[in-house]
């Protein structure tokens, strides 16, 4: 192990430091608690077939006021990543959002 370190680095006592690190690392790994559950099997995402059936909707806010609008509604289609950007206000209500949508 010391040879791998000394190929690129050297300092006084490098051999002693590397041996001490390697010995302590093995002990640490055996005594370390496992805090995470084992990973489960991955599930495959469904393949989308129609355009505009699965959407991502988000707001971009805290923008400067321009023509009475200070936010942007972003609607993104997951299939082709096609997006629409709609200028709106930060205080949009659900009814207004439904009309924009």
N, C-alpha and C. Protein backbone atom coordinates (compact mmCIF):
# COMPACT_ATOMS: atom_id res chain seq x y z
N UNK A 1 0.82 -1.19 0.00
CA UNK A 1 0.00 0.00 0.00
C UNK A 1 0.87 1.26 0.00
N UNK A 2 1.98 1.19 0.72
CA UNK A 2 2.87 2.34 0.79
C UNK A 2 3.41 2.70 -0.59
N UNK A 3 3.64 1.70 -1.41
CA UNK A 3 4.17 1.94 -2.76
C UNK A 3 3.21 2.79 -3.59
N UNK A 4 1.92 2.55 -3.46
CA UNK A 4 0.94 3.33 -4.21
C UNK A 4 0.95 4.80 -3.80
N UNK A 5 1.12 5.05 -2.52
CA UNK A 5 1.14 6.43 -2.04
C UNK A 5 2.42 7.13 -2.45
N UNK A 6 3.56 6.43 -2.31
CA UNK A 6 4.85 7.08 -2.59
C UNK A 6 5.11 7.28 -4.08
N UNK A 7 4.28 6.75 -4.94
CA UNK A 7 4.44 7.04 -6.37
C UNK A 7 4.21 8.52 -6.66
N UNK A 8 3.27 9.13 -5.92
CA UNK A 8 2.93 10.53 -6.18
C UNK A 8 3.24 11.47 -5.02
N UNK A 9 3.38 10.94 -3.80
CA UNK A 9 3.56 11.80 -2.63
C UNK A 9 4.70 11.26 -1.76
N UNK A 10 5.31 12.17 -1.02
CA UNK A 10 6.31 11.75 -0.05
C UNK A 10 6.38 12.80 1.04
N UNK A 11 6.47 12.37 2.28
CA UNK A 11 6.73 13.23 3.41
C UNK A 11 7.46 12.40 4.46
N UNK A 12 8.02 13.06 5.46
CA UNK A 12 8.77 12.38 6.49
C UNK A 12 7.82 11.50 7.30
N UNK A 13 8.06 10.20 7.35
CA UNK A 13 7.22 9.26 8.08
C UNK A 13 6.03 8.76 7.27
N UNK A 14 6.13 8.79 5.94
CA UNK A 14 5.02 8.37 5.09
C UNK A 14 4.67 6.90 5.33
N UNK A 15 5.66 6.05 5.47
CA UNK A 15 5.40 4.62 5.67
C UNK A 15 4.64 4.38 6.97
N UNK A 16 5.06 5.00 8.05
CA UNK A 16 4.39 4.84 9.33
C UNK A 16 2.95 5.36 9.27
N UNK A 17 2.75 6.52 8.65
CA UNK A 17 1.40 7.09 8.55
C UNK A 17 0.46 6.21 7.72
N UNK A 18 0.95 5.68 6.63
CA UNK A 18 0.11 4.84 5.77
C UNK A 18 -0.25 3.55 6.50
N UNK A 19 0.71 2.92 7.15
CA UNK A 19 0.43 1.68 7.89
C UNK A 19 -0.59 1.92 9.01
N UNK A 20 -0.44 3.01 9.72
CA UNK A 20 -1.37 3.34 10.80
C UNK A 20 -2.78 3.59 10.24
N UNK A 21 -2.86 4.27 9.13
CA UNK A 21 -4.16 4.56 8.52
C UNK A 21 -4.85 3.27 8.06
N UNK A 22 -4.10 2.40 7.39
CA UNK A 22 -4.67 1.16 6.87
C UNK A 22 -5.13 0.26 8.02
N UNK A 23 -4.35 0.13 9.06
CA UNK A 23 -4.74 -0.69 10.21
C UNK A 23 -6.00 -0.15 10.87
N UNK A 24 -6.09 1.13 11.07
CA UNK A 24 -7.24 1.74 11.71
C UNK A 24 -8.48 1.69 10.83
N UNK A 25 -8.29 1.77 9.53
CA UNK A 25 -9.43 1.75 8.60
C UNK A 25 -10.13 0.40 8.64
N UNK A 26 -9.40 -0.68 8.67
CA UNK A 26 -9.99 -2.02 8.71
C UNK A 26 -10.82 -2.19 9.98
N UNK A 27 -10.29 -1.76 11.12
CA UNK A 27 -11.00 -1.87 12.38
C UNK A 27 -12.26 -0.99 12.35
N UNK A 28 -12.14 0.21 11.82
CA UNK A 28 -13.28 1.13 11.75
C UNK A 28 -14.40 0.54 10.90
N UNK A 29 -14.06 -0.05 9.76
CA UNK A 29 -15.07 -0.61 8.87
C UNK A 29 -15.82 -1.77 9.50
N UNK A 30 -15.14 -2.59 10.28
CA UNK A 30 -15.80 -3.73 10.91
C UNK A 30 -16.72 -3.29 12.05
N UNK A 31 -16.41 -2.16 12.72
CA UNK A 31 -17.20 -1.73 13.87
C UNK A 31 -18.25 -0.69 13.52
N UNK A 32 -18.25 -0.19 12.31
CA UNK A 32 -19.17 0.87 11.91
C UNK A 32 -20.60 0.35 11.86
N UNK A 33 -21.54 1.10 12.43
CA UNK A 33 -22.95 0.73 12.39
C UNK A 33 -23.53 0.99 11.00
N UNK A 34 -24.40 0.13 10.56
CA UNK A 34 -25.10 0.32 9.30
C UNK A 34 -26.36 1.13 9.59
N UNK A 35 -26.44 2.36 9.11
CA UNK A 35 -27.58 3.23 9.40
C UNK A 35 -28.63 3.20 8.30
N UNK A 36 -28.30 2.69 7.14
CA UNK A 36 -29.24 2.68 6.03
C UNK A 36 -29.79 1.28 5.81
N UNK A 37 -31.04 1.24 5.37
CA UNK A 37 -31.63 -0.04 5.01
C UNK A 37 -31.03 -0.52 3.70
N UNK A 38 -30.98 -1.82 3.46
CA UNK A 38 -30.47 -2.30 2.18
C UNK A 38 -31.36 -1.79 1.04
N UNK A 39 -30.75 -1.50 -0.08
CA UNK A 39 -31.50 -0.99 -1.23
C UNK A 39 -32.43 -2.05 -1.78
N UNK A 40 -33.62 -1.60 -2.20
CA UNK A 40 -34.58 -2.52 -2.79
C UNK A 40 -34.41 -2.52 -4.30
N UNK A 41 -35.16 -3.37 -4.97
CA UNK A 41 -35.08 -3.43 -6.42
C UNK A 41 -35.65 -2.16 -7.02
N UNK A 42 -35.05 -1.72 -8.11
CA UNK A 42 -35.53 -0.54 -8.80
C UNK A 42 -36.78 -0.89 -9.59
N UNK A 43 -37.70 0.06 -9.65
CA UNK A 43 -38.89 -0.12 -10.46
C UNK A 43 -38.73 0.67 -11.75
N UNK A 44 -39.07 0.10 -12.86
CA UNK A 44 -38.94 0.74 -14.15
C UNK A 44 -40.08 1.74 -14.33
N UNK A 45 -39.74 2.94 -14.82
CA UNK A 45 -40.77 3.94 -15.09
C UNK A 45 -41.63 3.49 -16.27
N UNK A 46 -42.88 3.88 -16.21
CA UNK A 46 -43.76 3.54 -17.33
C UNK A 46 -43.37 4.36 -18.55
N UNK A 47 -43.55 3.80 -19.72
CA UNK A 47 -43.24 4.48 -20.97
C UNK A 47 -44.46 5.27 -21.40
N UNK A 48 -44.27 6.57 -21.56
CA UNK A 48 -45.38 7.42 -21.97
C UNK A 48 -45.65 7.23 -23.46
N UNK A 49 -46.92 7.24 -23.84
CA UNK A 49 -47.28 7.02 -25.23
C UNK A 49 -47.92 8.22 -25.89
N UNK A 50 -48.63 9.04 -25.12
CA UNK A 50 -49.33 10.19 -25.69
C UNK A 50 -48.71 11.48 -25.19
N UNK A 51 -48.76 12.48 -26.06
CA UNK A 51 -48.25 13.80 -25.74
C UNK A 51 -49.18 14.50 -24.75
N UNK A 52 -48.63 15.22 -23.79
CA UNK A 52 -49.37 16.03 -22.82
C UNK A 52 -50.23 15.18 -21.89
N UNK A 53 -49.85 13.94 -21.60
CA UNK A 53 -50.58 13.14 -20.61
C UNK A 53 -49.92 13.20 -19.24
N UNK A 54 -48.65 13.48 -19.18
CA UNK A 54 -47.94 13.61 -17.90
C UNK A 54 -47.18 14.93 -17.92
N UNK A 55 -47.56 15.83 -17.03
CA UNK A 55 -47.02 17.19 -17.06
C UNK A 55 -46.29 17.51 -15.76
N UNK A 56 -45.37 18.45 -15.87
CA UNK A 56 -44.70 19.04 -14.72
C UNK A 56 -45.06 20.51 -14.74
N UNK A 57 -45.58 21.03 -13.63
CA UNK A 57 -46.01 22.42 -13.55
C UNK A 57 -45.26 23.08 -12.41
N UNK A 58 -44.72 24.28 -12.65
CA UNK A 58 -43.98 24.99 -11.62
C UNK A 58 -44.08 26.49 -11.87
N UNK A 59 -43.79 27.28 -10.84
CA UNK A 59 -43.76 28.73 -10.95
C UNK A 59 -42.34 29.23 -10.79
N UNK A 60 -41.99 30.24 -11.55
CA UNK A 60 -40.75 31.00 -11.35
C UNK A 60 -41.21 32.34 -10.77
N UNK A 61 -40.81 32.64 -9.55
CA UNK A 61 -41.29 33.84 -8.87
C UNK A 61 -40.14 34.77 -8.52
N UNK A 62 -40.47 35.85 -7.81
CA UNK A 62 -39.51 36.87 -7.37
C UNK A 62 -38.83 37.54 -8.56
N UNK A 63 -39.60 37.80 -9.60
CA UNK A 63 -39.09 38.50 -10.77
C UNK A 63 -39.46 39.97 -10.69
N UNK A 64 -38.82 40.79 -11.49
CA UNK A 64 -39.16 42.21 -11.55
C UNK A 64 -40.53 42.38 -12.18
N UNK A 65 -41.25 43.41 -11.76
CA UNK A 65 -42.59 43.68 -12.28
C UNK A 65 -42.48 44.26 -13.68
N UNK A 66 -43.02 43.57 -14.67
CA UNK A 66 -43.02 44.01 -16.06
C UNK A 66 -44.42 43.83 -16.60
N UNK A 67 -45.04 44.92 -17.04
CA UNK A 67 -46.39 44.90 -17.60
C UNK A 67 -47.38 44.25 -16.63
N UNK A 68 -47.19 44.48 -15.33
CA UNK A 68 -48.10 43.94 -14.33
C UNK A 68 -47.89 42.47 -14.00
N UNK A 69 -46.87 41.85 -14.55
CA UNK A 69 -46.58 40.44 -14.30
C UNK A 69 -45.26 40.32 -13.55
N UNK A 70 -45.22 39.41 -12.56
CA UNK A 70 -43.97 39.22 -11.80
C UNK A 70 -43.65 37.75 -11.56
N UNK A 71 -44.27 36.86 -12.32
CA UNK A 71 -43.99 35.42 -12.19
C UNK A 71 -44.22 34.76 -13.54
N UNK A 72 -43.70 33.54 -13.67
CA UNK A 72 -43.86 32.77 -14.90
C UNK A 72 -44.37 31.39 -14.52
N UNK A 73 -45.44 30.96 -15.17
CA UNK A 73 -45.96 29.60 -15.03
C UNK A 73 -45.28 28.74 -16.08
N UNK A 74 -44.63 27.66 -15.64
CA UNK A 74 -43.91 26.77 -16.55
C UNK A 74 -44.67 25.44 -16.59
N UNK A 75 -45.10 25.03 -17.78
CA UNK A 75 -45.78 23.75 -17.98
C UNK A 75 -44.90 22.93 -18.92
N UNK A 76 -44.47 21.76 -18.46
CA UNK A 76 -43.53 20.94 -19.23
C UNK A 76 -44.12 19.56 -19.48
N UNK A 77 -44.05 19.10 -20.71
CA UNK A 77 -44.48 17.76 -21.09
C UNK A 77 -43.31 16.81 -20.85
N UNK A 78 -43.53 15.73 -20.09
CA UNK A 78 -42.44 14.81 -19.77
C UNK A 78 -41.98 13.97 -20.94
N UNK A 79 -42.84 13.72 -21.92
CA UNK A 79 -42.48 12.85 -23.02
C UNK A 79 -41.39 13.46 -23.90
N UNK A 80 -41.59 14.69 -24.36
CA UNK A 80 -40.64 15.34 -25.26
C UNK A 80 -39.95 16.55 -24.66
N UNK A 81 -40.22 16.82 -23.36
CA UNK A 81 -39.65 17.97 -22.67
C UNK A 81 -40.03 19.28 -23.36
N UNK A 82 -41.23 19.31 -23.95
CA UNK A 82 -41.76 20.51 -24.56
C UNK A 82 -42.30 21.41 -23.45
N UNK A 83 -42.00 22.70 -23.48
CA UNK A 83 -42.43 23.58 -22.40
C UNK A 83 -43.21 24.77 -22.93
N UNK A 84 -44.10 25.27 -22.09
CA UNK A 84 -44.82 26.51 -22.33
C UNK A 84 -44.56 27.43 -21.15
N UNK A 85 -44.27 28.69 -21.42
CA UNK A 85 -44.02 29.68 -20.38
C UNK A 85 -45.13 30.72 -20.47
N UNK A 86 -45.82 30.95 -19.34
CA UNK A 86 -46.95 31.87 -19.32
C UNK A 86 -46.66 32.94 -18.27
N UNK A 87 -46.69 34.21 -18.69
CA UNK A 87 -46.47 35.31 -17.74
C UNK A 87 -47.71 35.45 -16.86
N UNK A 88 -47.49 35.62 -15.56
CA UNK A 88 -48.59 35.71 -14.61
C UNK A 88 -48.14 36.53 -13.40
N UNK A 89 -48.97 36.58 -12.38
CA UNK A 89 -48.61 37.28 -11.15
C UNK A 89 -48.33 36.28 -10.03
N UNK A 90 -47.63 36.75 -9.04
CA UNK A 90 -47.25 35.88 -7.91
C UNK A 90 -48.47 35.49 -7.07
N UNK A 91 -49.50 36.33 -7.06
CA UNK A 91 -50.68 36.10 -6.23
C UNK A 91 -51.79 35.39 -7.00
N UNK A 92 -51.45 34.50 -7.88
CA UNK A 92 -52.42 33.77 -8.68
C UNK A 92 -53.22 32.81 -7.81
N UNK A 93 -54.55 32.83 -7.96
CA UNK A 93 -55.42 31.91 -7.24
C UNK A 93 -55.63 30.64 -8.07
N UNK A 94 -56.21 29.62 -7.45
CA UNK A 94 -56.42 28.34 -8.13
C UNK A 94 -57.31 28.49 -9.36
N UNK A 95 -58.35 29.34 -9.26
CA UNK A 95 -59.24 29.53 -10.40
C UNK A 95 -58.50 30.17 -11.57
N UNK A 96 -57.67 31.18 -11.28
CA UNK A 96 -56.89 31.81 -12.33
C UNK A 96 -55.87 30.86 -12.94
N UNK A 97 -55.28 30.02 -12.10
CA UNK A 97 -54.32 29.04 -12.60
C UNK A 97 -55.01 28.04 -13.54
N UNK A 98 -56.22 27.63 -13.19
CA UNK A 98 -56.96 26.70 -14.05
C UNK A 98 -57.26 27.35 -15.39
N UNK A 99 -57.58 28.64 -15.39
CA UNK A 99 -57.84 29.33 -16.66
C UNK A 99 -56.57 29.43 -17.51
N UNK A 100 -55.45 29.73 -16.87
CA UNK A 100 -54.19 29.80 -17.62
C UNK A 100 -53.80 28.44 -18.17
N UNK A 101 -54.04 27.42 -17.38
CA UNK A 101 -53.68 26.08 -17.76
C UNK A 101 -54.49 25.63 -18.96
